[in-house]
Amino acid sequence: MAKIANTLFGFAAGTAVGVGLGILFAQDKGENTRKKIKDSVRDTVDELKEQLESLTKNLRNKSSEIKGTLEERVDNLLSDTDYNSEDLIDLLEKKLASMKKAVKKQVIKQ
């Protein structure tokens, strides 16, 4: 995320500086030069806003996808865990019953 923001900022700054220098070195009246700079800055700001909105929309969509996938995986994990824990409880109960029988046999023999 930070790399994308830095790239966008660098692109915008480079564009603004390039356009600004091009306008300043062009032969024109001061009033026209200021208007061109103002228009150039406005265009750059508008372009950055559009890119930021697009990036924000993409991030929201991606986070929604990830959230949905994560919720599904957690649900699957929990249902698998419930199933496995029930199997484990049944197995332990059977082992306990078997051990009780073995102990009773040993007690009766003595």
PDB file of N, CA and C in Angstrom:
ATOM      1  N   MET A   1       0.831  -1.186   0.000  1.00  0.00           N
ATOM      2  CA  MET A   1       0.000   0.000   0.000  1.00  0.00           C
ATOM      3  C   MET A   1       0.871   1.243   0.000  1.00  0.00           C
ATOM      4  N   ALA A   2       1.919   1.254   0.855  1.00  0.00           N
ATOM      5  CA  ALA A   2       2.793   2.416   0.955  1.00  0.00           C
ATOM      6  C   ALA A   2       3.557   2.612  -0.349  1.00  0.00           C
ATOM      7  N   LYS A   3       3.955   1.508  -0.993  1.00  0.00           N
ATOM      8  CA  LYS A   3       4.680   1.618  -2.256  1.00  0.00           C
ATOM      9  C   LYS A   3       3.808   2.262  -3.327  1.00  0.00           C
ATOM     10  N   ILE A   4       2.541   1.881  -3.364  1.00  0.00           N
ATOM     11  CA  ILE A   4       1.628   2.439  -4.359  1.00  0.00           C
ATOM     12  C   ILE A   4       1.434   3.931  -4.109  1.00  0.00           C
ATOM     13  N   ALA A   5       1.245   4.298  -2.850  1.00  0.00           N
ATOM     14  CA  ALA A   5       1.055   5.711  -2.508  1.00  0.00           C
ATOM     15  C   ALA A   5       2.298   6.513  -2.859  1.00  0.00           C
ATOM     16  N   ASN A   6       3.482   5.969  -2.547  1.00  0.00           N
ATOM     17  CA  ASN A   6       4.728   6.664  -2.877  1.00  0.00           C
ATOM     18  C   ASN A   6       4.890   6.800  -4.384  1.00  0.00           C
ATOM     19  N   THR A   7       4.524   5.772  -5.117  1.00  0.00           N
ATOM     20  CA  THR A   7       4.622   5.819  -6.577  1.00  0.00           C
ATOM     21  C   THR A   7       3.687   6.880  -7.137  1.00  0.00           C
ATOM     22  N   LEU A   8       2.457   6.900  -6.647  1.00  0.00           N
ATOM     23  CA  LEU A   8       1.496   7.911  -7.108  1.00  0.00           C
ATOM     24  C   LEU A   8       1.978   9.319  -6.780  1.00  0.00           C
ATOM     25  N   PHE A   9       2.498   9.486  -5.572  1.00  0.00           N
ATOM     26  CA  PHE A   9       2.992  10.804  -5.173  1.00  0.00           C
ATOM     27  C   PHE A   9       4.172  11.210  -6.047  1.00  0.00           C
ATOM     28  N   GLY A  10       5.090  10.290  -6.300  1.00  0.00           N
ATOM     29  CA  GLY A  10       6.248  10.583  -7.147  1.00  0.00           C
ATOM     30  C   GLY A  10       5.831  10.941  -8.562  1.00  0.00           C
ATOM     31  N   PHE A  11       4.867  10.190  -9.087  1.00  0.00           N
ATOM     32  CA  PHE A  11       4.368  10.468 -10.427  1.00  0.00           C
ATOM     33  C   PHE A  11       3.745  11.863 -10.492  1.00  0.00           C
ATOM     34  N   ALA A  12       2.927  12.171  -9.511  1.00  0.00           N
ATOM     35  CA  ALA A  12       2.255  13.476  -9.491  1.00  0.00           C
ATOM     36  C   ALA A  12       3.259  14.606  -9.333  1.00  0.00           C
ATOM     37  N   ALA A  13       4.214  14.422  -8.435  1.00  0.00           N
ATOM     38  CA  ALA A  13       5.216  15.462  -8.213  1.00  0.00           C
ATOM     39  C   ALA A  13       6.057  15.659  -9.469  1.00  0.00           C
ATOM     40  N   GLY A  14       6.466  14.568 -10.098  1.00  0.00           N
ATOM     41  CA  GLY A  14       7.256  14.666 -11.328  1.00  0.00           C
ATOM     42  C   GLY A  14       6.493  15.352 -12.443  1.00  0.00           C
ATOM     43  N   THR A  15       5.238  15.001 -12.564  1.00  0.00           N
ATOM     44  CA  THR A  15       4.397  15.618 -13.591  1.00  0.00           C
ATOM     45  C   THR A  15       4.249  17.112 -13.331  1.00  0.00           C
ATOM     46  N   ALA A  16       3.970  17.462 -12.091  1.00  0.00           N
ATOM     47  CA  ALA A  16       3.777  18.872 -11.741  1.00  0.00           C
ATOM     48  C   ALA A  16       5.051  19.677 -11.968  1.00  0.00           C
ATOM     49  N   VAL A  17       6.183  19.133 -11.549  1.00  0.00           N
ATOM     50  CA  VAL A  17       7.456  19.843 -11.725  1.00  0.00           C
ATOM     51  C   VAL A  17       7.774  19.982 -13.207  1.00  0.00           C
ATOM     52  N   GLY A  18       7.592  18.905 -13.966  1.00  0.00           N
ATOM     53  CA  GLY A  18       7.878  18.952 -15.403  1.00  0.00           C
ATOM     54  C   GLY A  18       7.010  19.959 -16.132  1.00  0.00           C
ATOM     55  N   VAL A  19       5.745  19.924 -15.854  1.00  0.00           N
ATOM     56  CA  VAL A  19       4.828  20.871 -16.500  1.00  0.00           C
ATOM     57  C   VAL A  19       5.141  22.294 -16.055  1.00  0.00           C
ATOM     58  N   GLY A  20       5.401  22.457 -14.765  1.00  0.00           N
ATOM     59  CA  GLY A  20       5.717  23.789 -14.244  1.00  0.00           C
ATOM     60  C   GLY A  20       6.966  24.368 -14.882  1.00  0.00           C
ATOM     61  N   LEU A  21       8.020  23.569 -14.990  1.00  0.00           N
ATOM     62  CA  LEU A  21       9.255  24.049 -15.619  1.00  0.00           C
ATOM     63  C   LEU A  21       9.040  24.340 -17.097  1.00  0.00           C
ATOM     64  N   GLY A  22       8.279  23.489 -17.756  1.00  0.00           N
ATOM     65  CA  GLY A  22       8.003  23.724 -19.170  1.00  0.00           C
ATOM     66  C   GLY A  22       7.258  25.026 -19.386  1.00  0.00           C
ATOM     67  N   ILE A  23       6.329  25.305 -18.522  1.00  0.00           N
ATOM     68  CA  ILE A  23       5.551  26.540 -18.646  1.00  0.00           C
ATOM     69  C   ILE A  23       6.410  27.752 -18.315  1.00  0.00           C
ATOM     70  N   LEU A  24       7.234  27.641 -17.274  1.00  0.00           N
ATOM     71  CA  LEU A  24       8.059  28.777 -16.865  1.00  0.00           C
ATOM     72  C   LEU A  24       9.100  29.145 -17.920  1.00  0.00           C
ATOM     73  N   PHE A  25       9.632  28.164 -18.606  1.00  0.00           N
ATOM     74  CA  PHE A  25      10.652  28.447 -19.611  1.00  0.00           C
ATOM     75  C   PHE A  25      10.056  28.821 -20.968  1.00  0.00           C
ATOM     76  N   ALA A  26       8.764  28.668 -21.135  1.00  0.00           N
ATOM     77  CA  ALA A  26       8.114  29.054 -22.386  1.00  0.00           C
ATOM     78  C   ALA A  26       7.968  30.570 -22.421  1.00  0.00           C
ATOM     79  N   GLN A  27       8.057  31.124 -23.611  1.00  0.00           N
ATOM     80  CA  GLN A  27       7.914  32.569 -23.775  1.00  0.00           C
ATOM     81  C   GLN A  27       6.421  32.911 -23.795  1.00  0.00           C
ATOM     82  N   ASP A  28       5.955  33.575 -22.740  1.00  0.00           N
ATOM     83  CA  ASP A  28       4.545  33.946 -22.686  1.00  0.00           C
ATOM     84  C   ASP A  28       4.378  35.038 -21.633  1.00  0.00           C
ATOM     85  N   LYS A  29       3.236  35.686 -21.619  1.00  0.00           N
ATOM     86  CA  LYS A  29       2.947  36.712 -20.623  1.00  0.00           C
ATOM     87  C   LYS A  29       2.811  36.065 -19.250  1.00  0.00           C
ATOM     88  N   GLY A  30       3.079  36.814 -18.198  1.00  0.00           N
ATOM     89  CA  GLY A  30       2.969  36.320 -16.828  1.00  0.00           C
ATOM     90  C   GLY A  30       1.570  35.835 -16.498  1.00  0.00           C
ATOM     91  N   GLU A  31       0.582  36.565 -16.965  1.00  0.00           N
ATOM     92  CA  GLU A  31      -0.808  36.185 -16.692  1.00  0.00           C
ATOM     93  C   GLU A  31      -1.137  34.831 -17.323  1.00  0.00           C
ATOM     94  N   ASN A  32      -0.712  34.638 -18.550  1.00  0.00           N
ATOM     95  CA  ASN A  32      -0.957  33.363 -19.239  1.00  0.00           C
ATOM     96  C   ASN A  32      -0.179  32.231 -18.568  1.00  0.00           C
ATOM     97  N   THR A  33       1.044  32.533 -18.145  1.00  0.00           N
ATOM     98  CA  THR A  33       1.867  31.515 -17.479  1.00  0.00           C
ATOM     99  C   THR A  33       1.214  31.072 -16.178  1.00  0.00           C
ATOM    100  N   ARG A  34       0.750  32.036 -15.380  1.00  0.00           N
ATOM    101  CA  ARG A  34       0.083  31.691 -14.124  1.00  0.00           C
ATOM    102  C   ARG A  34      -1.183  30.866 -14.377  1.00  0.00           C
ATOM    103  N   LYS A  35      -1.929  31.218 -15.410  1.00  0.00           N
ATOM    104  CA  LYS A  35      -3.138  30.467 -15.749  1.00  0.00           C
ATOM    105  C   LYS A  35      -2.782  29.037 -16.143  1.00  0.00           C
ATOM    106  N   LYS A  36      -1.725  28.876 -16.932  1.00  0.00           N
ATOM    107  CA  LYS A  36      -1.305  27.535 -17.347  1.00  0.00           C
ATOM    108  C   LYS A  36      -0.864  26.708 -16.142  1.00  0.00           C
ATOM    109  N   ILE A  37      -0.120  27.335 -15.233  1.00  0.00           N
ATOM    110  CA  ILE A  37       0.325  26.622 -14.023  1.00  0.00           C
ATOM    111  C   ILE A  37      -0.886  26.206 -13.195  1.00  0.00           C
ATOM    112  N   LYS A  38      -1.814  27.136 -13.018  1.00  0.00           N
ATOM    113  CA  LYS A  38      -3.022  26.848 -12.244  1.00  0.00           C
ATOM    114  C   LYS A  38      -3.809  25.700 -12.877  1.00  0.00           C
ATOM    115  N   ASP A  39      -3.981  25.744 -14.194  1.00  0.00           N
ATOM    116  CA  ASP A  39      -4.708  24.676 -14.896  1.00  0.00           C
ATOM    117  C   ASP A  39      -3.973  23.343 -14.781  1.00  0.00           C
ATOM    118  N   SER A  40      -2.658  23.409 -14.892  1.00  0.00           N
ATOM    119  CA  SER A  40      -1.854  22.186 -14.798  1.00  0.00           C
ATOM    120  C   SER A  40      -1.971  21.560 -13.414  1.00  0.00           C
ATOM    121  N   VAL A  41      -1.897  22.386 -12.385  1.00  0.00           N
ATOM    122  CA  VAL A  41      -2.027  21.886 -11.013  1.00  0.00           C
ATOM    123  C   VAL A  41      -3.420  21.299 -10.807  1.00  0.00           C
ATOM    124  N   ARG A  42      -4.439  21.974 -11.299  1.00  0.00           N
ATOM    125  CA  ARG A  42      -5.812  21.485 -11.164  1.00  0.00           C
ATOM    126  C   ARG A  42      -5.966  20.127 -11.864  1.00  0.00           C
ATOM    127  N   ASP A  43      -5.414  20.010 -13.075  1.00  0.00           N
ATOM    128  CA  ASP A  43      -5.494  18.737 -13.803  1.00  0.00           C
ATOM    129  C   ASP A  43      -4.777  17.620 -13.045  1.00  0.00           C
ATOM    130  N   THR A  44      -3.602  17.943 -12.499  1.00  0.00           N
ATOM    131  CA  THR A  44      -2.845  16.940 -11.746  1.00  0.00           C
ATOM    132  C   THR A  44      -3.608  16.510 -10.503  1.00  0.00           C
ATOM    133  N   VAL A  45      -4.200  17.453  -9.795  1.00  0.00           N
ATOM    134  CA  VAL A  45      -4.984  17.138  -8.601  1.00  0.00           C
ATOM    135  C   VAL A  45      -6.190  16.273  -8.974  1.00  0.00           C
ATOM    136  N   ASP A  46      -6.860  16.617 -10.061  1.00  0.00           N
ATOM    137  CA  ASP A  46      -8.008  15.814 -10.506  1.00  0.00           C
ATOM    138  C   ASP A  46      -7.582  14.391 -10.856  1.00  0.00           C
ATOM    139  N   GLU A  47      -6.448  14.271 -11.540  1.00  0.00           N
ATOM    140  CA  GLU A  47      -5.944  12.944 -11.905  1.00  0.00           C
ATOM    141  C   GLU A  47      -5.598  12.135 -10.657  1.00  0.00           C
ATOM    142  N   LEU A  48      -4.973  12.787  -9.682  1.00  0.00           N
ATOM    143  CA  LEU A  48      -4.644  12.095  -8.434  1.00  0.00           C
ATOM    144  C   LEU A  48      -5.899  11.668  -7.684  1.00  0.00           C
ATOM    145  N   LYS A  49      -6.917  12.515  -7.676  1.00  0.00           N
ATOM    146  CA  LYS A  49      -8.177  12.156  -7.023  1.00  0.00           C
ATOM    147  C   LYS A  49      -8.789  10.926  -7.672  1.00  0.00           C
ATOM    148  N   GLU A  50      -8.785  10.893  -9.003  1.00  0.00           N
ATOM    149  CA  GLU A  50      -9.344   9.740  -9.715  1.00  0.00           C
ATOM    150  C   GLU A  50      -8.565   8.470  -9.392  1.00  0.00           C
ATOM    151  N   GLN A  51      -7.227   8.576  -9.384  1.00  0.00           N
ATOM    152  CA  GLN A  51      -6.401   7.410  -9.075  1.00  0.00           C
ATOM    153  C   GLN A  51      -6.629   6.950  -7.642  1.00  0.00           C
ATOM    154  N   LEU A  52      -6.747   7.898  -6.722  1.00  0.00           N
ATOM    155  CA  LEU A  52      -6.981   7.562  -5.325  1.00  0.00           C
ATOM    156  C   LEU A  52      -8.348   6.902  -5.144  1.00  0.00           C
ATOM    157  N   GLU A  53      -9.367   7.421  -5.818  1.00  0.00           N
ATOM    158  CA  GLU A  53     -10.696   6.814  -5.744  1.00  0.00           C
ATOM    159  C   GLU A  53     -10.680   5.392  -6.310  1.00  0.00           C
ATOM    160  N   SER A  54      -9.975   5.217  -7.420  1.00  0.00           N
ATOM    161  CA  SER A  54      -9.864   3.887  -8.023  1.00  0.00           C
ATOM    162  C   SER A  54      -9.137   2.929  -7.086  1.00  0.00           C
ATOM    163  N   LEU A  55      -8.050   3.397  -6.502  1.00  0.00           N
ATOM    164  CA  LEU A  55      -7.286   2.574  -5.565  1.00  0.00           C
ATOM    165  C   LEU A  55      -8.134   2.217  -4.349  1.00  0.00           C
ATOM    166  N   THR A  56      -8.858   3.187  -3.819  1.00  0.00           N
ATOM    167  CA  THR A  56      -9.721   2.954  -2.662  1.00  0.00           C
ATOM    168  C   THR A  56     -10.805   1.930  -2.994  1.00  0.00           C
ATOM    169  N   LYS A  57     -11.412   2.059  -4.162  1.00  0.00           N
ATOM    170  CA  LYS A  57     -12.459   1.119  -4.587  1.00  0.00           C
ATOM    171  C   LYS A  57     -11.885  -0.289  -4.710  1.00  0.00           C
ATOM    172  N   ASN A  58     -10.709  -0.398  -5.332  1.00  0.00           N
ATOM    173  CA  ASN A  58     -10.073  -1.710  -5.483  1.00  0.00           C
ATOM    174  C   ASN A  58      -9.740  -2.325  -4.131  1.00  0.00           C
ATOM    175  N   LEU A  59      -9.237  -1.509  -3.210  1.00  0.00           N
ATOM    176  CA  LEU A  59      -8.900  -2.017  -1.881  1.00  0.00           C
ATOM    177  C   LEU A  59     -10.148  -2.477  -1.131  1.00  0.00           C
ATOM    178  N   ARG A  60     -11.228  -1.732  -1.254  1.00  0.00           N
ATOM    179  CA  ARG A  60     -12.476  -2.136  -0.596  1.00  0.00           C
ATOM    180  C   ARG A  60     -12.988  -3.459  -1.160  1.00  0.00           C
ATOM    181  N   ASN A  61     -12.948  -3.582  -2.479  1.00  0.00           N
ATOM    182  CA  ASN A  61     -13.390  -4.833  -3.105  1.00  0.00           C
ATOM    183  C   ASN A  61     -12.520  -5.998  -2.658  1.00  0.00           C
ATOM    184  N   LYS A  62     -11.211  -5.783  -2.649  1.00  0.00           N
ATOM    185  CA  LYS A  62     -10.289  -6.843  -2.265  1.00  0.00           C
ATOM    186  C   LYS A  62     -10.487  -7.216  -0.804  1.00  0.00           C
ATOM    187  N   SER A  63     -10.676  -6.218   0.065  1.00  0.00           N
ATOM    188  CA  SER A  63     -10.871  -6.523   1.484  1.00  0.00           C
ATOM    189  C   SER A  63     -12.184  -7.277   1.700  1.00  0.00           C
ATOM    190  N   SER A  64     -13.216  -6.959   0.916  1.00  0.00           N
ATOM    191  CA  SER A  64     -14.481  -7.699   1.015  1.00  0.00           C
ATOM    192  C   SER A  64     -14.288  -9.150   0.593  1.00  0.00           C
ATOM    193  N   GLU A  65     -13.526  -9.349  -0.490  1.00  0.00           N
ATOM    194  CA  GLU A  65     -13.247 -10.718  -0.944  1.00  0.00           C
ATOM    195  C   GLU A  65     -12.481 -11.493   0.120  1.00  0.00           C
ATOM    196  N   ILE A  66     -11.465 -10.852   0.674  1.00  0.00           N
ATOM    197  CA  ILE A  66     -10.639 -11.516   1.689  1.00  0.00           C
ATOM    198  C   ILE A  66     -11.470 -11.816   2.921  1.00  0.00           C
ATOM    199  N   LYS A  67     -12.320 -10.870   3.320  1.00  0.00           N
ATOM    200  CA  LYS A  67     -13.167 -11.077   4.490  1.00  0.00           C
ATOM    201  C   LYS A  67     -14.091 -12.269   4.277  1.00  0.00           C
ATOM    202  N   GLY A  68     -14.710 -12.341   3.092  1.00  0.00           N
ATOM    203  CA  GLY A  68     -15.600 -13.460   2.791  1.00  0.00           C
ATOM    204  C   GLY A  68     -14.860 -14.783   2.809  1.00  0.00           C
ATOM    205  N   THR A  69     -13.697 -14.810   2.203  1.00  0.00           N
ATOM    206  CA  THR A  69     -12.894 -16.031   2.170  1.00  0.00           C
ATOM    207  C   THR A  69     -12.453 -16.418   3.568  1.00  0.00           C
ATOM    208  N   LEU A  70     -12.040 -15.445   4.348  1.00  0.00           N
ATOM    209  CA  LEU A  70     -11.590 -15.715   5.709  1.00  0.00           C
ATOM    210  C   LEU A  70     -12.735 -16.257   6.559  1.00  0.00           C
ATOM    211  N   GLU A  71     -13.909 -15.661   6.433  1.00  0.00           N
ATOM    212  CA  GLU A  71     -15.068 -16.146   7.195  1.00  0.00           C
ATOM    213  C   GLU A  71     -15.404 -17.586   6.815  1.00  0.00           C
ATOM    214  N   GLU A  72     -15.336 -17.892   5.521  1.00  0.00           N
ATOM    215  CA  GLU A  72     -15.613 -19.266   5.083  1.00  0.00           C
ATOM    216  C   GLU A  72     -14.595 -20.235   5.673  1.00  0.00           C
ATOM    217  N   ARG A  73     -13.336 -19.851   5.640  1.00  0.00           N
ATOM    218  CA  ARG A  73     -12.290 -20.735   6.167  1.00  0.00           C
ATOM    219  C   ARG A  73     -12.436 -20.940   7.667  1.00  0.00           C
ATOM    220  N   VAL A  74     -12.763 -19.878   8.383  1.00  0.00           N
ATOM    221  CA  VAL A  74     -12.955 -20.010   9.830  1.00  0.00           C
ATOM    222  C   VAL A  74     -14.150 -20.916  10.113  1.00  0.00           C
ATOM    223  N   ASP A  75     -15.240 -20.722   9.385  1.00  0.00           N
ATOM    224  CA  ASP A  75     -16.419 -21.583   9.568  1.00  0.00           C
ATOM    225  C   ASP A  75     -16.080 -23.043   9.288  1.00  0.00           C
ATOM    226  N   ASN A  76     -15.347 -23.279   8.198  1.00  0.00           N
ATOM    227  CA  ASN A  76     -14.946 -24.652   7.870  1.00  0.00           C
ATOM    228  C   ASN A  76     -14.057 -25.240   8.953  1.00  0.00           C
ATOM    229  N   LEU A  77     -13.121 -24.443   9.435  1.00  0.00           N
ATOM    230  CA  LEU A  77     -12.218 -24.919  10.481  1.00  0.00           C
ATOM    231  C   LEU A  77     -12.990 -25.250  11.752  1.00  0.00           C
ATOM    232  N   LEU A  78     -13.913 -24.370  12.122  1.00  0.00           N
ATOM    233  CA  LEU A  78     -14.698 -24.615  13.332  1.00  0.00           C
ATOM    234  C   LEU A  78     -15.588 -25.842  13.182  1.00  0.00           C
ATOM    235  N   SER A  79     -16.191 -26.013  12.018  1.00  0.00           N
ATOM    236  CA  SER A  79     -17.046 -27.190  11.837  1.00  0.00           C
ATOM    237  C   SER A  79     -16.206 -28.462  11.832  1.00  0.00           C
ATOM    238  N   ASP A  80     -15.024 -28.418  11.228  1.00  0.00           N
ATOM    239  CA  ASP A  80     -14.126 -29.578  11.260  1.00  0.00           C
ATOM    240  C   ASP A  80     -13.680 -29.866  12.683  1.00  0.00           C
ATOM    241  N   THR A  81     -13.384 -28.827  13.432  1.00  0.00           N
ATOM    242  CA  THR A  81     -12.941 -28.992  14.814  1.00  0.00           C
ATOM    243  C   THR A  81     -14.059 -29.585  15.655  1.00  0.00           C
ATOM    244  N   ASP A  82     -15.286 -29.106  15.469  1.00  0.00           N
ATOM    245  CA  ASP A  82     -16.422 -29.668  16.208  1.00  0.00           C
ATOM    246  C   ASP A  82     -16.576 -31.146  15.891  1.00  0.00           C
ATOM    247  N   TYR A  83     -16.485 -31.479  14.623  1.00  0.00           N
ATOM    248  CA  TYR A  83     -16.626 -32.871  14.210  1.00  0.00           C
ATOM    249  C   TYR A  83     -15.516 -33.714  14.825  1.00  0.00           C
ATOM    250  N   ASN A  84     -14.297 -33.247  14.739  1.00  0.00           N
ATOM    251  CA  ASN A  84     -13.166 -33.995  15.283  1.00  0.00           C
ATOM    252  C   ASN A  84     -13.248 -34.111  16.801  1.00  0.00           C
ATOM    253  N   SER A  85     -13.685 -33.061  17.469  1.00  0.00           N
ATOM    254  CA  SER A  85     -13.773 -33.118  18.930  1.00  0.00           C
ATOM    255  C   SER A  85     -14.855 -34.110  19.364  1.00  0.00           C
ATOM    256  N   GLU A  86     -15.964 -34.163  18.635  1.00  0.00           N
ATOM    257  CA  GLU A  86     -17.011 -35.137  18.961  1.00  0.00           C
ATOM    258  C   GLU A  86     -16.505 -36.561  18.765  1.00  0.00           C
ATOM    259  N   ASP A  87     -15.766 -36.785  17.697  1.00  0.00           N
ATOM    260  CA  ASP A  87     -15.180 -38.114  17.470  1.00  0.00           C
ATOM    261  C   ASP A  87     -14.209 -38.472  18.589  1.00  0.00           C
ATOM    262  N   LEU A  88     -13.412 -37.497  18.999  1.00  0.00           N
ATOM    263  CA  LEU A  88     -12.439 -37.732  20.065  1.00  0.00           C
ATOM    264  C   LEU A  88     -13.148 -38.048  21.380  1.00  0.00           C
ATOM    265  N   ILE A  89     -14.207 -37.341  21.682  1.00  0.00           N
ATOM    266  CA  ILE A  89     -14.973 -37.594  22.911  1.00  0.00           C
ATOM    267  C   ILE A  89     -15.562 -38.999  22.877  1.00  0.00           C
ATOM    268  N   ASP A  90     -16.140 -39.395  21.745  1.00  0.00           N
ATOM    269  CA  ASP A  90     -16.694 -40.756  21.621  1.00  0.00           C
ATOM    270  C   ASP A  90     -15.612 -41.808  21.830  1.00  0.00           C
ATOM    271  N   LEU A  91     -14.470 -41.592  21.219  1.00  0.00           N
ATOM    272  CA  LEU A  91     -13.366 -42.539  21.357  1.00  0.00           C
ATOM    273  C   LEU A  91     -12.909 -42.640  22.808  1.00  0.00           C
ATOM    274  N   LEU A  92     -12.776 -41.487  23.470  1.00  0.00           N
ATOM    275  CA  LEU A  92     -12.347 -41.491  24.872  1.00  0.00           C
ATOM    276  C   LEU A  92     -13.382 -42.165  25.774  1.00  0.00           C
ATOM    277  N   GLU A  93     -14.662 -41.949  25.501  1.00  0.00           N
ATOM    278  CA  GLU A  93     -15.710 -42.602  26.296  1.00  0.00           C
ATOM    279  C   GLU A  93     -15.655 -44.115  26.126  1.00  0.00           C
ATOM    280  N   LYS A  94     -15.424 -44.575  24.904  1.00  0.00           N
ATOM    281  CA  LYS A  94     -15.303 -46.019  24.657  1.00  0.00           C
ATOM    282  C   LYS A  94     -14.082 -46.589  25.377  1.00  0.00           C
ATOM    283  N   LYS A  95     -12.960 -45.866  25.316  1.00  0.00           N
ATOM    284  CA  LYS A  95     -11.747 -46.325  26.006  1.00  0.00           C
ATOM    285  C   LYS A  95     -11.977 -46.377  27.513  1.00  0.00           C
ATOM    286  N   LEU A  96     -12.667 -45.363  28.050  1.00  0.00           N
ATOM    287  CA  LEU A  96     -12.949 -45.324  29.480  1.00  0.00           C
ATOM    288  C   LEU A  96     -13.822 -46.513  29.885  1.00  0.00           C
ATOM    289  N   ALA A  97     -14.839 -46.799  29.092  1.00  0.00           N
ATOM    290  CA  ALA A  97     -15.712 -47.944  29.382  1.00  0.00           C
ATOM    291  C   ALA A  97     -14.914 -49.244  29.336  1.00  0.00           C
ATOM    292  N   SER A  98     -14.038 -49.353  28.353  1.00  0.00           N
ATOM    293  CA  SER A  98     -13.201 -50.550  28.237  1.00  0.00           C
ATOM    294  C   SER A  98     -12.270 -50.689  29.441  1.00  0.00           C
ATOM    295  N   MET A  99     -11.711 -49.577  29.882  1.00  0.00           N
ATOM    296  CA  MET A  99     -10.808 -49.605  31.042  1.00  0.00           C
ATOM    297  C   MET A  99     -11.573 -49.964  32.314  1.00  0.00           C
ATOM    298  N   LYS A 100     -12.809 -49.458  32.449  1.00  0.00           N
ATOM    299  CA  LYS A 100     -13.626 -49.787  33.622  1.00  0.00           C
ATOM    300  C   LYS A 100     -13.895 -51.288  33.675  1.00  0.00           C
ATOM    301  N   LYS A 101     -14.209 -51.880  32.528  1.00  0.00           N
ATOM    302  CA  LYS A 101     -14.449 -53.323  32.472  1.00  0.00           C
ATOM    303  C   LYS A 101     -13.196 -54.094  32.871  1.00  0.00           C
ATOM    304  N   ALA A 102     -12.051 -53.650  32.370  1.00  0.00           N
ATOM    305  CA  ALA A 102     -10.795 -54.336  32.687  1.00  0.00           C
ATOM    306  C   ALA A 102     -10.485 -54.234  34.171  1.00  0.00           C
ATOM    307  N   VAL A 103     -10.742 -53.076  34.764  1.00  0.00           N
ATOM    308  CA  VAL A 103     -10.490 -52.892  36.201  1.00  0.00           C
ATOM    309  C   VAL A 103     -11.433 -53.775  37.009  1.00  0.00           C
ATOM    310  N   LYS A 104     -12.709 -53.843  36.619  1.00  0.00           N
ATOM    311  CA  LYS A 104     -13.671 -54.695  37.331  1.00  0.00           C
ATOM    312  C   LYS A 104     -13.230 -56.159  37.287  1.00  0.00           C
ATOM    313  N   LYS A 105     -12.747 -56.609  36.136  1.00  0.00           N
ATOM    314  CA  LYS A 105     -12.274 -57.986  36.016  1.00  0.00           C
ATOM    315  C   LYS A 105     -11.096 -58.237  36.952  1.00  0.00           C
ATOM    316  N   GLN A 106     -10.198 -57.270  37.032  1.00  0.00           N
ATOM    317  CA  GLN A 106      -9.032 -57.413  37.904  1.00  0.00           C
ATOM    318  C   GLN A 106      -9.456 -57.436  39.374  1.00  0.00           C
ATOM    319  N   VAL A 107     -10.431 -56.601  39.725  1.00  0.00           N
ATOM    320  CA  VAL A 107     -10.905 -56.543  41.111  1.00  0.00           C
ATOM    321  C   VAL A 107     -11.601 -57.846  41.469  1.00  0.00           C
ATOM    322  N   ILE A 108     -12.390 -58.384  40.557  1.00  0.00           N
ATOM    323  CA  ILE A 108     -13.108 -59.631  40.813  1.00  0.00           C
ATOM    324  C   ILE A 108     -12.123 -60.788  40.968  1.00  0.00           C
ATOM    325  N   LYS A 109     -11.063 -60.819  40.197  1.00  0.00           N
ATOM    326  CA  LYS A 109     -10.074 -61.892  40.268  1.00  0.00           C
ATOM    327  C   LYS A 109      -9.338 -61.878  41.609  1.00  0.00           C
ATOM    328  N   GLN A 110      -9.188 -60.774  42.213  1.00  0.00           N
ATOM    329  CA  GLN A 110      -8.416 -60.699  43.457  1.00  0.00           C
ATOM    330  C   GLN A 110      -9.266 -61.022  44.595  1.00  0.00           C
TER     331      GLN A 110
END
